[in-house]
């Protein structure tokens, strides 16, 4: 077995990390270019062109940004493989945030790139359609130890009922790091929380640039299309441990993967719990090297707040500019 300090962990970002220009730092790697070429035939449009030149509004659409982040992340893996092959060879665990799970599973050999991308395309289109059915969104909340997240959500639901919304949704959709959550649901509920943030001891609230109330029952219309497409995908046992968003535990077998990937769309992303599952270790045991593969450094920032020691061995693989040399 390799010493813990020589092992690596790969983290795959999710929707919200997309930026115009992503992919530019990957184009000198032939394998990365091949992925974009393959994506064009699966998607029926030029994803590389959209990723490089936008416009941002088009890239931000759920139907576009999920495939864009998925491909950029796996192209970043190709860059890492080219520059630091030992990192890939010594990878002991992977996790992906929401749509990032699909990229993590493709990386781990649990599904083929083109089949994974097609599943992401169907998922993204179905989530976009579900978003358009109800005015909903996601609110990032930085709280304090005494913040009352569940109580706040219940009061926001009651407020929605007074407005005539019959079955209001307002619940924690992402657990990011201690005292930080993303709440998802009807727009009216989220507006209520922003107005009353001091009552619930929220330090800061910010609407996320997404089109719907992801990871709640508002996404139920997306379940059937995703179930069907995953039946057509050849899912295998991962060669590297991939931790699930549902509970932070490792995926065990193909049926388990298919079931949880569907469930994930209407369940909270337990990222904070996943970070503990991956990085928990006895005192004195070294931390693995962590690489964020894909656009942005959000998962690194979250890791810093979950586990400062683990974050000290973190770096991200640049996808925007070509940084010659190091990943």
Protein backbone atom coordinates (compact mmCIF):
# COMPACT_ATOMS: atom_id res chain seq x y z
CA UNK A 1 0.00 0.00 0.00
CA UNK A 2 1.13 3.54 -0.77
CA UNK A 3 1.84 5.93 2.12
CA UNK A 4 -1.23 8.21 2.63
CA UNK A 5 0.74 11.34 1.66
CA UNK A 6 1.44 9.87 -1.80
CA UNK A 7 -2.23 9.08 -2.50
CA UNK A 8 -4.53 11.47 -4.31
CA UNK A 9 -8.22 12.41 -4.26
CA UNK A 10 -10.06 13.99 -7.20
CA UNK A 11 -13.01 16.35 -6.67
CA UNK A 12 -15.36 17.18 -9.56
CA UNK A 13 -17.33 20.46 -9.42
CA UNK A 14 -21.00 20.96 -10.24
CA UNK A 15 -23.34 23.42 -11.88
CA UNK A 16 -22.58 27.03 -10.97
CA UNK A 17 -18.83 26.66 -11.59
CA UNK A 18 -19.13 27.30 -15.35
CA UNK A 19 -17.30 30.30 -16.82
CA UNK A 20 -16.92 31.56 -20.37
CA UNK A 21 -13.38 30.65 -21.46
CA UNK A 22 -13.28 27.30 -19.70
CA UNK A 23 -11.49 24.74 -21.81
CA UNK A 24 -8.91 27.19 -23.17
CA UNK A 25 -6.27 25.84 -20.78
CA UNK A 26 -6.89 22.28 -22.03
CA UNK A 27 -6.64 22.60 -25.80
CA UNK A 28 -2.99 21.69 -26.19
CA UNK A 29 -3.74 18.22 -24.82
CA UNK A 30 -4.91 15.99 -27.71
CA UNK A 31 -6.99 13.72 -25.44
CA UNK A 32 -8.87 16.74 -24.08
CA UNK A 33 -9.60 17.94 -27.64
CA UNK A 34 -10.89 14.46 -28.50
CA UNK A 35 -13.43 14.67 -25.66
CA UNK A 36 -14.81 17.95 -27.03
CA UNK A 37 -15.02 16.43 -30.52
CA UNK A 38 -16.90 13.41 -29.14
CA UNK A 39 -19.20 15.74 -27.17
CA UNK A 40 -20.19 17.53 -30.35
CA UNK A 41 -21.61 14.35 -31.86
CA UNK A 42 -23.44 13.35 -28.63
CA UNK A 43 -24.96 16.80 -28.01
CA UNK A 44 -25.55 17.95 -31.57
CA UNK A 45 -23.93 21.36 -31.00
CA UNK A 46 -20.41 22.73 -30.54
CA UNK A 47 -19.87 22.63 -26.78
CA UNK A 48 -16.28 23.86 -27.06
CA UNK A 49 -17.39 26.99 -28.94
CA UNK A 50 -20.06 27.68 -26.29
CA UNK A 51 -17.57 27.05 -23.44
CA UNK A 52 -14.88 29.28 -24.94
CA UNK A 53 -17.00 32.16 -26.20
CA UNK A 54 -20.39 31.98 -24.45
CA UNK A 55 -22.39 34.13 -24.15
CA UNK A 56 -22.54 33.54 -20.37
CA UNK A 57 -26.39 33.54 -20.36
CA UNK A 58 -26.42 30.64 -22.83
CA UNK A 59 -23.73 28.76 -20.90
CA UNK A 60 -25.65 29.31 -17.63
CA UNK A 61 -28.73 27.49 -18.92
CA UNK A 62 -29.06 24.20 -17.03
CA UNK A 63 -29.32 22.26 -20.30
CA UNK A 64 -25.92 23.62 -21.41
CA UNK A 65 -23.88 24.09 -18.25
CA UNK A 66 -24.22 20.55 -16.91
CA UNK A 67 -22.69 18.98 -20.06
CA UNK A 68 -20.14 21.83 -20.20
CA UNK A 69 -18.89 21.27 -16.64
CA UNK A 70 -18.90 17.47 -17.14
CA UNK A 71 -16.72 17.64 -20.27
CA UNK A 72 -14.39 20.36 -18.89
CA UNK A 73 -13.80 18.24 -15.77
CA UNK A 74 -12.92 15.09 -17.69
CA UNK A 75 -10.74 17.13 -20.08
CA UNK A 76 -8.97 18.50 -16.96
CA UNK A 77 -8.33 14.88 -15.91
CA UNK A 78 -6.63 14.33 -19.30
CA UNK A 79 -4.42 17.38 -18.65
CA UNK A 80 -3.52 16.01 -15.21
CA UNK A 81 -2.81 12.58 -16.70
CA UNK A 82 -0.46 14.23 -19.22
CA UNK A 83 1.40 16.43 -16.72
CA UNK A 84 1.34 14.32 -13.55
CA UNK A 85 0.45 10.70 -14.42
CA UNK A 86 1.33 9.52 -10.89
CA UNK A 87 -1.60 11.54 -9.50
CA UNK A 88 -4.05 9.51 -11.58
CA UNK A 89 -2.26 6.25 -10.83
CA UNK A 90 -2.31 6.92 -7.07
CA UNK A 91 -5.92 8.10 -6.88
CA UNK A 92 -7.74 6.39 -4.00
CA UNK A 93 -11.04 8.28 -3.97
CA UNK A 94 -13.22 10.61 -6.03
CA UNK A 95 -16.37 12.62 -5.42
CA UNK A 96 -18.41 14.96 -7.58
CA UNK A 97 -20.84 17.70 -6.60
CA UNK A 98 -24.30 16.99 -8.10
CA UNK A 99 -23.68 16.64 -11.87
CA UNK A 100 -20.00 16.22 -10.93
CA UNK A 101 -20.87 12.70 -9.73
CA UNK A 102 -21.30 11.63 -13.35
CA UNK A 103 -17.80 12.86 -14.21
CA UNK A 104 -16.36 11.15 -11.10
CA UNK A 105 -18.01 7.86 -12.14
CA UNK A 106 -16.72 8.12 -15.73
CA UNK A 107 -13.23 8.84 -14.36
CA UNK A 108 -13.53 5.76 -12.11
CA UNK A 109 -14.45 3.54 -15.07
CA UNK A 110 -18.07 3.00 -13.96
CA UNK A 111 -19.43 4.33 -17.28
CA UNK A 112 -18.19 5.29 -20.72
CA UNK A 113 -17.65 8.98 -21.53
CA UNK A 114 -20.23 9.19 -24.36
CA UNK A 115 -22.90 7.28 -22.41
CA UNK A 116 -22.24 9.37 -19.29
CA UNK A 117 -22.48 12.57 -21.33
CA UNK A 118 -25.75 11.45 -22.94
CA UNK A 119 -27.19 10.72 -19.46
CA UNK A 120 -26.04 14.20 -18.32
CA UNK A 121 -27.71 15.76 -21.39
CA UNK A 122 -31.04 14.06 -20.59
CA UNK A 123 -30.72 14.94 -16.87
CA UNK A 124 -29.95 18.59 -17.64
CA UNK A 125 -32.84 18.96 -20.11
CA UNK A 126 -35.26 17.30 -17.68
CA UNK A 127 -34.12 19.53 -14.79
CA UNK A 128 -34.41 22.60 -17.02
CA UNK A 129 -38.00 21.62 -17.90
CA UNK A 130 -38.86 20.99 -14.22
CA UNK A 131 -37.37 24.41 -13.33
CA UNK A 132 -39.50 26.19 -15.89
CA UNK A 133 -42.69 24.67 -14.44
CA UNK A 134 -42.44 26.52 -11.09
CA UNK A 135 -40.73 29.83 -10.15
CA UNK A 136 -38.06 28.40 -7.85
CA UNK A 137 -34.39 28.77 -7.04
CA UNK A 138 -31.57 28.25 -4.57
CA UNK A 139 -30.32 30.48 -1.76
CA UNK A 140 -26.84 30.14 -0.29
CA UNK A 141 -26.91 30.82 3.46
CA UNK A 142 -23.93 31.38 5.73
CA UNK A 143 -25.22 30.95 9.26
CA UNK A 144 -23.91 30.80 12.81
CA UNK A 145 -23.85 27.84 15.21
CA UNK A 146 -27.25 28.99 16.57
CA UNK A 147 -28.88 29.32 13.10
CA UNK A 148 -32.23 27.54 12.85
CA UNK A 149 -32.29 26.21 9.29
CA UNK A 150 -35.22 23.77 9.65
CA UNK A 151 -37.34 26.24 11.62
CA UNK A 152 -36.63 28.95 9.02
CA UNK A 153 -37.71 26.62 6.20
CA UNK A 154 -40.96 25.71 8.02
CA UNK A 155 -41.83 29.38 8.57
CA UNK A 156 -41.05 30.16 4.92
CA UNK A 157 -43.42 27.35 3.87
CA UNK A 158 -46.16 28.78 6.12
CA UNK A 159 -45.59 32.20 4.52
CA UNK A 160 -46.04 30.63 1.06
CA UNK A 161 -49.36 29.08 2.14
CA UNK A 162 -50.66 32.56 3.03
CA UNK A 163 -49.83 33.55 -0.58
CA UNK A 164 -51.96 30.67 -1.89
CA UNK A 165 -49.15 28.24 -2.77
CA UNK A 166 -50.74 24.86 -1.98
CA UNK A 167 -47.68 22.65 -1.57
CA UNK A 168 -44.74 24.95 -0.84
CA UNK A 169 -41.17 23.64 -0.97
CA UNK A 170 -38.34 25.10 1.11
CA UNK A 171 -35.60 22.80 2.38
CA UNK A 172 -31.85 22.36 2.75
CA UNK A 173 -30.55 21.16 -0.63
CA UNK A 174 -26.77 21.29 -0.06
CA UNK A 175 -24.73 20.81 3.11
CA UNK A 176 -21.49 22.64 2.26
CA UNK A 177 -19.47 23.16 5.45
CA UNK A 178 -20.27 23.85 9.12
CA UNK A 179 -23.03 26.51 9.35
CA UNK A 180 -23.23 26.87 5.56
CA UNK A 181 -26.16 25.46 3.61
CA UNK A 182 -27.96 26.03 0.35
CA UNK A 183 -31.74 26.21 0.70
CA UNK A 184 -33.86 25.33 -2.29
CA UNK A 185 -37.54 25.89 -3.06
CA UNK A 186 -40.23 28.29 -4.23
CA UNK A 187 -38.92 31.79 -4.95
CA UNK A 188 -41.44 33.31 -2.52
CA UNK A 189 -40.00 31.15 0.30
CA UNK A 190 -36.44 32.19 -0.50
CA UNK A 191 -37.42 35.88 -0.63
CA UNK A 192 -39.05 35.47 2.79
CA UNK A 193 -35.79 34.00 4.19
CA UNK A 194 -33.74 36.88 2.78
CA UNK A 195 -36.11 39.43 4.36
CA UNK A 196 -36.07 37.69 7.75
CA UNK A 197 -32.46 36.54 7.82
CA UNK A 198 -31.59 38.23 11.14
CA UNK A 199 -34.45 36.41 12.91
CA UNK A 200 -32.86 33.05 12.02
CA UNK A 201 -29.27 34.18 12.77
CA UNK A 202 -28.20 34.05 9.11
CA UNK A 203 -25.00 36.03 8.54
CA UNK A 204 -25.24 36.21 4.77
CA UNK A 205 -27.69 35.11 2.08
CA UNK A 206 -27.17 35.09 -1.67
CA UNK A 207 -29.31 33.80 -4.53
CA UNK A 208 -27.42 31.34 -6.75
CA UNK A 209 -27.39 31.79 -10.55
CA UNK A 210 -29.44 28.62 -11.19
CA UNK A 211 -32.84 28.33 -12.77
CA UNK A 212 -34.65 26.07 -10.30
CA UNK A 213 -35.12 24.47 -6.91
CA UNK A 214 -32.68 21.62 -7.44
CA UNK A 215 -32.33 18.68 -5.03
CA UNK A 216 -35.94 18.95 -3.79
CA UNK A 217 -39.22 17.34 -4.85
CA UNK A 218 -39.66 20.19 -7.36
CA UNK A 219 -37.35 18.07 -9.55
CA UNK A 220 -39.68 15.03 -9.50
CA UNK A 221 -40.61 15.47 -13.20
CA UNK A 222 -36.93 14.75 -14.03
CA UNK A 223 -36.94 11.33 -12.32
CA UNK A 224 -38.58 9.32 -15.09
CA UNK A 225 -36.36 10.56 -17.99
CA UNK A 226 -33.24 10.01 -15.86
CA UNK A 227 -34.37 6.51 -14.78
CA UNK A 228 -34.95 5.56 -18.41
CA UNK A 229 -31.63 6.88 -19.72
CA UNK A 230 -29.65 5.22 -16.92
CA UNK A 231 -31.23 1.87 -17.85
CA UNK A 232 -29.59 2.24 -21.27
CA UNK A 233 -26.13 3.01 -19.83
CA UNK A 234 -23.68 0.18 -19.22
CA UNK A 235 -22.77 0.81 -15.57
CA UNK A 236 -19.84 -1.11 -14.06
CA UNK A 237 -18.30 -1.30 -10.59
CA UNK A 238 -15.97 1.73 -10.13
CA UNK A 239 -12.22 0.99 -10.13
CA UNK A 240 -11.67 3.83 -7.63
CA UNK A 241 -13.88 4.57 -4.59
CA UNK A 242 -16.52 7.14 -5.58
CA UNK A 243 -18.48 8.68 -2.71
CA UNK A 244 -22.19 9.38 -3.19
CA UNK A 245 -23.85 12.76 -2.58
CA UNK A 246 -26.78 10.97 -0.94
CA UNK A 247 -24.92 9.81 2.17
CA UNK A 248 -21.17 10.31 1.61
CA UNK A 249 -20.65 6.54 1.41
CA UNK A 250 -18.95 4.67 -1.44
CA UNK A 251 -20.91 3.36 -4.38
CA UNK A 252 -20.90 -0.42 -4.18
CA UNK A 253 -22.27 -1.91 -7.42
CA UNK A 254 -23.96 -0.88 -10.72
CA UNK A 255 -27.59 -1.15 -9.47
CA UNK A 256 -26.66 1.00 -6.46
CA UNK A 257 -25.17 3.65 -8.78
CA UNK A 258 -28.25 3.74 -11.03
CA UNK A 259 -30.62 4.00 -8.08
CA UNK A 260 -28.72 6.74 -6.22
CA UNK A 261 -28.03 8.89 -9.30
CA UNK A 262 -31.80 9.13 -9.80
CA UNK A 263 -32.54 9.73 -6.11
CA UNK A 264 -29.84 12.43 -6.00
CA UNK A 265 -31.91 14.84 -8.14
CA UNK A 266 -34.57 15.13 -5.40
CA UNK A 267 -32.27 14.69 -2.35
CA UNK A 268 -29.88 17.06 -0.59
CA UNK A 269 -26.20 16.96 -1.55
CA UNK A 270 -24.38 15.93 1.63
CA UNK A 271 -21.02 17.37 0.64
CA UNK A 272 -19.85 18.27 4.15
CA UNK A 273 -20.53 14.66 5.23
CA UNK A 274 -18.70 13.40 2.11
CA UNK A 275 -15.62 15.47 2.96
CA UNK A 276 -15.57 13.93 6.45
CA UNK A 277 -15.93 10.43 5.00
CA UNK A 278 -12.96 10.95 2.64
CA UNK A 279 -10.59 12.87 4.90
CA UNK A 280 -11.25 11.54 8.40
CA UNK A 281 -8.07 9.94 9.76
CA UNK A 282 -6.16 9.34 12.96
CA UNK A 283 -3.92 12.08 14.30
CA UNK A 284 -0.51 12.03 12.67
CA UNK A 285 -1.67 10.23 9.50
CA UNK A 286 -0.77 12.29 6.42
CA UNK A 287 -3.46 13.71 4.13
CA UNK A 288 -3.69 12.78 0.45
CA UNK A 289 -3.04 15.32 -2.30
CA UNK A 290 -6.37 16.72 -3.48
CA UNK A 291 -7.02 17.97 -7.01
CA UNK A 292 -10.14 19.87 -8.07
CA UNK A 293 -10.63 18.94 -11.71
CA UNK A 294 -12.87 21.34 -13.60
CA UNK A 295 -13.75 25.03 -13.55
CA UNK A 296 -13.41 27.14 -10.41
CA UNK A 297 -12.00 26.59 -6.94
CA UNK A 298 -15.26 26.34 -5.01
CA UNK A 299 -14.71 22.80 -3.78
CA UNK A 300 -11.27 23.85 -2.53
CA UNK A 301 -12.81 26.74 -0.58
CA UNK A 302 -15.37 24.35 0.94
CA UNK A 303 -12.63 21.83 1.81
CA UNK A 304 -10.72 24.61 3.59
CA UNK A 305 -13.77 25.23 5.80
CA UNK A 306 -14.36 21.50 6.40
CA UNK A 307 -10.78 20.38 6.99
CA UNK A 308 -7.94 22.90 7.01
CA UNK A 309 -5.22 20.23 7.19
CA UNK A 310 -6.57 18.38 4.14
CA UNK A 311 -6.83 21.69 2.24
CA UNK A 312 -3.10 22.33 2.72
CA UNK A 313 -2.46 19.56 0.15
CA UNK A 314 -5.07 20.92 -2.32
CA UNK A 315 -4.63 22.38 -5.80
CA UNK A 316 -6.92 22.97 -8.73
CA UNK A 317 -6.27 22.00 -12.34
CA UNK A 318 -6.54 25.19 -14.39
CA UNK A 319 -9.07 24.97 -17.25
CA UNK A 320 -9.30 28.66 -18.19
CA UNK A 321 -5.76 29.65 -19.17
CA UNK A 322 -2.89 27.51 -20.32
CA UNK A 323 -0.52 27.70 -17.40
CA UNK A 324 2.36 25.70 -18.97
CA UNK A 325 3.82 23.09 -16.70
CA UNK A 326 2.20 22.41 -13.33
CA UNK A 327 -1.43 21.41 -13.05
